[in-house]
């Protein structure tokens, strides 16, 4: 059983963390390049948030949103 956990530890430290080690070394040289993926995810999240807000505005303009607190039976 010890061999299984050692193999699992070796899998993570020797293979699966190689991209993270690369980013760790890259951060010492160029912070902007090392955080490119972070910026991409931030842009995607901001775009999704703007889309969500536009959809909420569309439903509000069409009076499709039910803001009554008794919309669910357990709230009445």
PDB file of N, CA and C in Angstrom:
ATOM      1  N   UNK A   1       0.817  -1.188   0.000  1.00  0.00           N
ATOM      2  CA  UNK A   1       0.000   0.000   0.000  1.00  0.00           C
ATOM      3  C   UNK A   1       0.862   1.253   0.000  1.00  0.00           C
ATOM      4  N   UNK A   2       2.037   1.156   0.628  1.00  0.00           N
ATOM      5  CA  UNK A   2       2.947   2.301   0.656  1.00  0.00           C
ATOM      6  C   UNK A   2       3.415   2.636  -0.749  1.00  0.00           C
ATOM      7  N   UNK A   3       3.637   1.618  -1.548  1.00  0.00           N
ATOM      8  CA  UNK A   3       4.074   1.835  -2.926  1.00  0.00           C
ATOM      9  C   UNK A   3       3.051   2.605  -3.746  1.00  0.00           C
ATOM     10  N   UNK A   4       1.770   2.369  -3.480  1.00  0.00           N
ATOM     11  CA  UNK A   4       0.709   3.090  -4.194  1.00  0.00           C
ATOM     12  C   UNK A   4       0.791   4.584  -3.902  1.00  0.00           C
ATOM     13  N   UNK A   5       0.940   4.936  -2.617  1.00  0.00           N
ATOM     14  CA  UNK A   5       0.993   6.343  -2.257  1.00  0.00           C
ATOM     15  C   UNK A   5       2.279   7.006  -2.737  1.00  0.00           C
ATOM     16  N   UNK A   6       3.367   6.259  -2.748  1.00  0.00           N
ATOM     17  CA  UNK A   6       4.618   6.797  -3.292  1.00  0.00           C
ATOM     18  C   UNK A   6       4.494   7.024  -4.793  1.00  0.00           C
ATOM     19  N   UNK A   7       3.823   6.113  -5.488  1.00  0.00           N
ATOM     20  CA  UNK A   7       3.606   6.292  -6.926  1.00  0.00           C
ATOM     21  C   UNK A   7       2.695   7.475  -7.190  1.00  0.00           C
ATOM     22  N   UNK A   8       1.688   7.635  -6.362  1.00  0.00           N
ATOM     23  CA  UNK A   8       0.784   8.777  -6.505  1.00  0.00           C
ATOM     24  C   UNK A   8       1.531  10.084  -6.256  1.00  0.00           C
ATOM     25  N   UNK A   9       2.368  10.132  -5.236  1.00  0.00           N
ATOM     26  CA  UNK A   9       3.177  11.315  -4.961  1.00  0.00           C
ATOM     27  C   UNK A   9       4.144  11.600  -6.093  1.00  0.00           C
ATOM     28  N   UNK A  10       4.747  10.566  -6.632  1.00  0.00           N
ATOM     29  CA  UNK A  10       5.668  10.733  -7.753  1.00  0.00           C
ATOM     30  C   UNK A  10       4.938  11.235  -8.994  1.00  0.00           C
ATOM     31  N   UNK A  11       3.736  10.731  -9.236  1.00  0.00           N
ATOM     32  CA  UNK A  11       2.949  11.176 -10.380  1.00  0.00           C
ATOM     33  C   UNK A  11       2.726  12.680 -10.316  1.00  0.00           C
ATOM     34  N   UNK A  12       2.327  13.174  -9.151  1.00  0.00           N
ATOM     35  CA  UNK A  12       2.047  14.596  -9.027  1.00  0.00           C
ATOM     36  C   UNK A  12       3.321  15.436  -9.072  1.00  0.00           C
ATOM     37  N   UNK A  13       4.325  15.084  -8.285  1.00  0.00           N
ATOM     38  CA  UNK A  13       5.513  15.936  -8.204  1.00  0.00           C
ATOM     39  C   UNK A  13       6.383  15.860  -9.445  1.00  0.00           C
ATOM     40  N   UNK A  14       6.441  14.711 -10.100  1.00  0.00           N
ATOM     41  CA  UNK A  14       7.349  14.550 -11.239  1.00  0.00           C
ATOM     42  C   UNK A  14       6.699  14.827 -12.586  1.00  0.00           C
ATOM     43  N   UNK A  15       5.369  14.710 -12.683  1.00  0.00           N
ATOM     44  CA  UNK A  15       4.729  14.858 -13.991  1.00  0.00           C
ATOM     45  C   UNK A  15       3.655  15.941 -14.034  1.00  0.00           C
ATOM     46  N   UNK A  16       2.695  15.858 -13.144  1.00  0.00           N
ATOM     47  CA  UNK A  16       1.535  16.741 -13.246  1.00  0.00           C
ATOM     48  C   UNK A  16       1.819  18.181 -12.821  1.00  0.00           C
ATOM     49  N   UNK A  17       2.851  18.403 -12.017  1.00  0.00           N
ATOM     50  CA  UNK A  17       3.187  19.756 -11.587  1.00  0.00           C
ATOM     51  C   UNK A  17       4.219  20.428 -12.474  1.00  0.00           C
ATOM     52  N   UNK A  18       4.612  19.794 -13.568  1.00  0.00           N
ATOM     53  CA  UNK A  18       5.612  20.393 -14.466  1.00  0.00           C
ATOM     54  C   UNK A  18       5.141  21.742 -15.023  1.00  0.00           C
ATOM     55  N   UNK A  19       3.879  21.882 -15.480  1.00  0.00           N
ATOM     56  CA  UNK A  19       3.458  23.213 -15.955  1.00  0.00           C
ATOM     57  C   UNK A  19       3.473  24.267 -14.848  1.00  0.00           C
ATOM     58  N   UNK A  20       3.136  23.876 -13.630  1.00  0.00           N
ATOM     59  CA  UNK A  20       3.153  24.838 -12.532  1.00  0.00           C
ATOM     60  C   UNK A  20       4.574  25.233 -12.159  1.00  0.00           C
ATOM     61  N   UNK A  21       5.509  24.296 -12.230  1.00  0.00           N
ATOM     62  CA  UNK A  21       6.911  24.630 -11.986  1.00  0.00           C
ATOM     63  C   UNK A  21       7.425  25.586 -13.057  1.00  0.00           C
ATOM     64  N   UNK A  22       7.001  25.367 -14.293  1.00  0.00           N
ATOM     65  CA  UNK A  22       7.390  26.274 -15.380  1.00  0.00           C
ATOM     66  C   UNK A  22       6.874  27.682 -15.111  1.00  0.00           C
ATOM     67  N   UNK A  23       5.611  27.793 -14.696  1.00  0.00           N
ATOM     68  CA  UNK A  23       5.051  29.116 -14.399  1.00  0.00           C
ATOM     69  C   UNK A  23       5.733  29.759 -13.197  1.00  0.00           C
ATOM     70  N   UNK A  24       6.124  28.965 -12.224  1.00  0.00           N
ATOM     71  CA  UNK A  24       6.832  29.499 -11.054  1.00  0.00           C
ATOM     72  C   UNK A  24       8.182  30.087 -11.456  1.00  0.00           C
ATOM     73  N   UNK A  25       8.910  29.396 -12.333  1.00  0.00           N
ATOM     74  CA  UNK A  25      10.190  29.927 -12.806  1.00  0.00           C
ATOM     75  C   UNK A  25       9.996  31.136 -13.714  1.00  0.00           C
ATOM     76  N   UNK A  26       8.933  31.098 -14.517  1.00  0.00           N
ATOM     77  CA  UNK A  26       8.667  32.199 -15.436  1.00  0.00           C
ATOM     78  C   UNK A  26       8.291  33.475 -14.696  1.00  0.00           C
ATOM     79  N   UNK A  27       7.639  33.336 -13.542  1.00  0.00           N
ATOM     80  CA  UNK A  27       7.203  34.513 -12.792  1.00  0.00           C
ATOM     81  C   UNK A  27       8.385  35.356 -12.324  1.00  0.00           C
ATOM     82  N   UNK A  28       9.499  34.734 -12.076  1.00  0.00           N
ATOM     83  CA  UNK A  28      10.678  35.482 -11.659  1.00  0.00           C
ATOM     84  C   UNK A  28      11.230  36.326 -12.794  1.00  0.00           C
ATOM     85  N   UNK A  29      10.973  35.923 -14.026  1.00  0.00           N
ATOM     86  CA  UNK A  29      11.474  36.658 -15.178  1.00  0.00           C
ATOM     87  C   UNK A  29      10.462  37.667 -15.710  1.00  0.00           C
ATOM     88  N   UNK A  30       9.215  37.247 -15.856  1.00  0.00           N
ATOM     89  CA  UNK A  30       8.199  38.114 -16.448  1.00  0.00           C
ATOM     90  C   UNK A  30       6.857  37.821 -15.783  1.00  0.00           C
ATOM     91  N   UNK A  31       6.409  38.748 -14.920  1.00  0.00           N
ATOM     92  CA  UNK A  31       5.167  38.554 -14.182  1.00  0.00           C
ATOM     93  C   UNK A  31       3.970  38.517 -15.114  1.00  0.00           C
ATOM     94  N   UNK A  32       3.930  39.383 -16.118  1.00  0.00           N
ATOM     95  CA  UNK A  32       2.785  39.473 -17.026  1.00  0.00           C
ATOM     96  C   UNK A  32       2.604  38.194 -17.827  1.00  0.00           C
ATOM     97  N   UNK A  33       3.679  37.634 -18.312  1.00  0.00           N
ATOM     98  CA  UNK A  33       3.595  36.403 -19.092  1.00  0.00           C
ATOM     99  C   UNK A  33       3.176  35.220 -18.215  1.00  0.00           C
ATOM    100  N   UNK A  34       3.647  35.205 -16.979  1.00  0.00           N
ATOM    101  CA  UNK A  34       3.298  34.102 -16.075  1.00  0.00           C
ATOM    102  C   UNK A  34       1.817  34.135 -15.693  1.00  0.00           C
ATOM    103  N   UNK A  35       1.201  35.292 -15.707  1.00  0.00           N
ATOM    104  CA  UNK A  35      -0.192  35.421 -15.301  1.00  0.00           C
ATOM    105  C   UNK A  35      -1.141  35.574 -16.482  1.00  0.00           C
ATOM    106  N   UNK A  36      -0.724  35.180 -17.656  1.00  0.00           N
ATOM    107  CA  UNK A  36      -1.561  35.286 -18.844  1.00  0.00           C
ATOM    108  C   UNK A  36      -2.846  34.485 -18.694  1.00  0.00           C
ATOM    109  N   UNK A  37      -2.756  33.273 -18.193  1.00  0.00           N
ATOM    110  CA  UNK A  37      -3.952  32.443 -18.023  1.00  0.00           C
ATOM    111  C   UNK A  37      -4.926  33.076 -17.026  1.00  0.00           C
ATOM    112  N   UNK A  38      -4.399  33.686 -15.983  1.00  0.00           N
ATOM    113  CA  UNK A  38      -5.256  34.363 -15.012  1.00  0.00           C
ATOM    114  C   UNK A  38      -6.016  35.490 -15.673  1.00  0.00           C
ATOM    115  N   UNK A  39      -5.330  36.276 -16.495  1.00  0.00           N
ATOM    116  CA  UNK A  39      -5.994  37.394 -17.179  1.00  0.00           C
ATOM    117  C   UNK A  39      -7.041  36.894 -18.162  1.00  0.00           C
ATOM    118  N   UNK A  40      -6.762  35.794 -18.827  1.00  0.00           N
ATOM    119  CA  UNK A  40      -7.742  35.225 -19.766  1.00  0.00           C
ATOM    120  C   UNK A  40      -9.005  34.801 -19.009  1.00  0.00           C
ATOM    121  N   UNK A  41      -8.840  34.136 -17.866  1.00  0.00           N
ATOM    122  CA  UNK A  41     -10.000  33.723 -17.077  1.00  0.00           C
ATOM    123  C   UNK A  41     -10.763  34.918 -16.526  1.00  0.00           C
ATOM    124  N   UNK A  42     -10.062  35.976 -16.148  1.00  0.00           N
ATOM    125  CA  UNK A  42     -10.728  37.188 -15.664  1.00  0.00           C
ATOM    126  C   UNK A  42     -11.560  37.808 -16.771  1.00  0.00           C
ATOM    127  N   UNK A  43     -11.028  37.867 -17.979  1.00  0.00           N
ATOM    128  CA  UNK A  43     -11.766  38.429 -19.117  1.00  0.00           C
ATOM    129  C   UNK A  43     -12.992  37.589 -19.435  1.00  0.00           C
ATOM    130  N   UNK A  44     -12.846  36.259 -19.408  1.00  0.00           N
ATOM    131  CA  UNK A  44     -13.990  35.373 -19.653  1.00  0.00           C
ATOM    132  C   UNK A  44     -15.066  35.587 -18.598  1.00  0.00           C
ATOM    133  N   UNK A  45     -14.677  35.690 -17.325  1.00  0.00           N
ATOM    134  CA  UNK A  45     -15.654  35.900 -16.252  1.00  0.00           C
ATOM    135  C   UNK A  45     -16.341  37.251 -16.386  1.00  0.00           C
ATOM    136  N   UNK A  46     -15.607  38.283 -16.748  1.00  0.00           N
ATOM    137  CA  UNK A  46     -16.224  39.602 -16.934  1.00  0.00           C
ATOM    138  C   UNK A  46     -17.213  39.566 -18.096  1.00  0.00           C
ATOM    139  N   UNK A  47     -16.863  38.890 -19.173  1.00  0.00           N
ATOM    140  CA  UNK A  47     -17.778  38.758 -20.305  1.00  0.00           C
ATOM    141  C   UNK A  47     -19.036  37.999 -19.930  1.00  0.00           C
ATOM    142  N   UNK A  48     -18.891  36.935 -19.163  1.00  0.00           N
ATOM    143  CA  UNK A  48     -20.057  36.169 -18.721  1.00  0.00           C
ATOM    144  C   UNK A  48     -20.934  37.004 -17.793  1.00  0.00           C
ATOM    145  N   UNK A  49     -20.324  37.812 -16.950  1.00  0.00           N
ATOM    146  CA  UNK A  49     -21.092  38.663 -16.040  1.00  0.00           C
ATOM    147  C   UNK A  49     -21.889  39.713 -16.816  1.00  0.00           C
ATOM    148  N   UNK A  50     -21.254  40.317 -17.812  1.00  0.00           N
ATOM    149  CA  UNK A  50     -21.956  41.318 -18.635  1.00  0.00           C
ATOM    150  C   UNK A  50     -23.108  40.665 -19.389  1.00  0.00           C
ATOM    151  N   UNK A  51     -22.893  39.485 -19.950  1.00  0.00           N
ATOM    152  CA  UNK A  51     -23.960  38.757 -20.646  1.00  0.00           C
ATOM    153  C   UNK A  51     -25.111  38.448 -19.701  1.00  0.00           C
ATOM    154  N   UNK A  52     -24.801  38.010 -18.489  1.00  0.00           N
ATOM    155  CA  UNK A  52     -25.810  37.675 -17.502  1.00  0.00           C
ATOM    156  C   UNK A  52     -26.637  38.910 -17.141  1.00  0.00           C
ATOM    157  N   UNK A  53     -25.952  40.038 -16.943  1.00  0.00           N
ATOM    158  CA  UNK A  53     -26.672  41.269 -16.598  1.00  0.00           C
ATOM    159  C   UNK A  53     -27.574  41.726 -17.746  1.00  0.00           C
ATOM    160  N   UNK A  54     -27.116  41.575 -18.979  1.00  0.00           N
ATOM    161  CA  UNK A  54     -27.954  41.938 -20.131  1.00  0.00           C
ATOM    162  C   UNK A  54     -29.183  41.039 -20.217  1.00  0.00           C
ATOM    163  N   UNK A  55     -29.017  39.752 -19.941  1.00  0.00           N
ATOM    164  CA  UNK A  55     -30.162  38.840 -19.962  1.00  0.00           C
ATOM    165  C   UNK A  55     -31.152  39.186 -18.857  1.00  0.00           C
ATOM    166  N   UNK A  56     -30.659  39.540 -17.690  1.00  0.00           N
ATOM    167  CA  UNK A  56     -31.554  39.950 -16.609  1.00  0.00           C
ATOM    168  C   UNK A  56     -32.325  41.213 -16.985  1.00  0.00           C
ATOM    169  N   UNK A  57     -31.654  42.141 -17.662  1.00  0.00           N
ATOM    170  CA  UNK A  57     -32.324  43.374 -18.090  1.00  0.00           C
ATOM    171  C   UNK A  57     -33.407  43.071 -19.122  1.00  0.00           C
ATOM    172  N   UNK A  58     -33.146  42.137 -20.030  1.00  0.00           N
ATOM    173  CA  UNK A  58     -34.146  41.753 -21.038  1.00  0.00           C
ATOM    174  C   UNK A  58     -35.386  41.175 -20.359  1.00  0.00           C
ATOM    175  N   UNK A  59     -35.194  40.282 -19.386  1.00  0.00           N
ATOM    176  CA  UNK A  59     -36.329  39.696 -18.679  1.00  0.00           C
ATOM    177  C   UNK A  59     -37.076  40.747 -17.874  1.00  0.00           C
ATOM    178  N   UNK A  60     -36.350  41.698 -17.309  1.00  0.00           N
ATOM    179  CA  UNK A  60     -37.009  42.745 -16.524  1.00  0.00           C
ATOM    180  C   UNK A  60     -37.848  43.656 -17.417  1.00  0.00           C
ATOM    181  N   UNK A  61     -37.342  43.979 -18.617  1.00  0.00           N
ATOM    182  CA  UNK A  61     -38.085  44.832 -19.546  1.00  0.00           C
ATOM    183  C   UNK A  61     -39.348  44.133 -20.057  1.00  0.00           C
ATOM    184  N   UNK A  62     -39.308  42.809 -20.205  1.00  0.00           N
ATOM    185  CA  UNK A  62     -40.466  42.048 -20.676  1.00  0.00           C
ATOM    186  C   UNK A  62     -41.409  41.647 -19.552  1.00  0.00           C
ATOM    187  N   UNK A  63     -41.094  42.041 -18.331  1.00  0.00           N
ATOM    188  CA  UNK A  63     -41.870  41.671 -17.144  1.00  0.00           C
ATOM    189  C   UNK A  63     -42.011  40.151 -16.999  1.00  0.00           C
ATOM    190  N   UNK A  64     -40.970  39.428 -17.373  1.00  0.00           N
ATOM    191  CA  UNK A  64     -40.970  37.973 -17.244  1.00  0.00           C
ATOM    192  C   UNK A  64     -40.424  37.506 -15.897  1.00  0.00           C
ATOM    193  N   UNK A  65     -39.793  38.388 -15.170  1.00  0.00           N
ATOM    194  CA  UNK A  65     -39.233  37.966 -13.895  1.00  0.00           C
ATOM    195  C   UNK A  65     -40.254  38.161 -12.791  1.00  0.00           C
ATOM    196  N   UNK A  66     -40.442  37.127 -12.007  1.00  0.00           N
ATOM    197  CA  UNK A  66     -41.402  37.166 -10.911  1.00  0.00           C
ATOM    198  C   UNK A  66     -40.634  37.458  -9.632  1.00  0.00           C
ATOM    199  N   UNK A  67     -40.748  38.684  -9.137  1.00  0.00           N
ATOM    200  CA  UNK A  67     -40.013  39.080  -7.941  1.00  0.00           C
ATOM    201  C   UNK A  67     -40.878  38.992  -6.691  1.00  0.00           C
ATOM    202  N   UNK A  68     -41.990  38.321  -6.785  1.00  0.00           N
ATOM    203  CA  UNK A  68     -42.866  38.134  -5.632  1.00  0.00           C
ATOM    204  C   UNK A  68     -42.232  37.128  -4.681  1.00  0.00           C
ATOM    205  N   UNK A  69     -42.176  37.458  -3.414  1.00  0.00           N
ATOM    206  CA  UNK A  69     -41.541  36.564  -2.453  1.00  0.00           C
ATOM    207  C   UNK A  69     -42.359  35.306  -2.205  1.00  0.00           C
ATOM    208  N   UNK A  70     -43.620  35.280  -2.651  1.00  0.00           N
ATOM    209  CA  UNK A  70     -44.423  34.074  -2.476  1.00  0.00           C
ATOM    210  C   UNK A  70     -44.406  33.203  -3.728  1.00  0.00           C
ATOM    211  N   UNK A  71     -43.389  33.398  -4.577  1.00  0.00           N
ATOM    212  CA  UNK A  71     -43.283  32.595  -5.795  1.00  0.00           C
ATOM    213  C   UNK A  71     -43.030  31.123  -5.462  1.00  0.00           C
ATOM    214  N   UNK A  72     -42.414  30.868  -4.317  1.00  0.00           N
ATOM    215  CA  UNK A  72     -42.180  29.502  -3.879  1.00  0.00           C
ATOM    216  C   UNK A  72     -43.092  29.194  -2.706  1.00  0.00           C
ATOM    217  N   UNK A  73     -43.590  27.998  -2.676  1.00  0.00           N
ATOM    218  CA  UNK A  73     -44.582  27.645  -1.646  1.00  0.00           C
ATOM    219  C   UNK A  73     -43.985  27.674  -0.246  1.00  0.00           C
ATOM    220  N   UNK A  74     -42.696  27.412  -0.101  1.00  0.00           N
ATOM    221  CA  UNK A  74     -42.121  27.373   1.233  1.00  0.00           C
ATOM    222  C   UNK A  74     -41.879  28.763   1.799  1.00  0.00           C
ATOM    223  N   UNK A  75     -42.021  29.828   0.969  1.00  0.00           N
ATOM    224  CA  UNK A  75     -41.832  31.184   1.466  1.00  0.00           C
ATOM    225  C   UNK A  75     -43.131  31.815   1.974  1.00  0.00           C
ATOM    226  N   UNK A  76     -44.244  31.226   1.666  1.00  0.00           N
ATOM    227  CA  UNK A  76     -45.518  31.838   2.080  1.00  0.00           C
ATOM    228  C   UNK A  76     -45.903  31.482   3.491  1.00  0.00           C
TER     229      UNK A  76
END
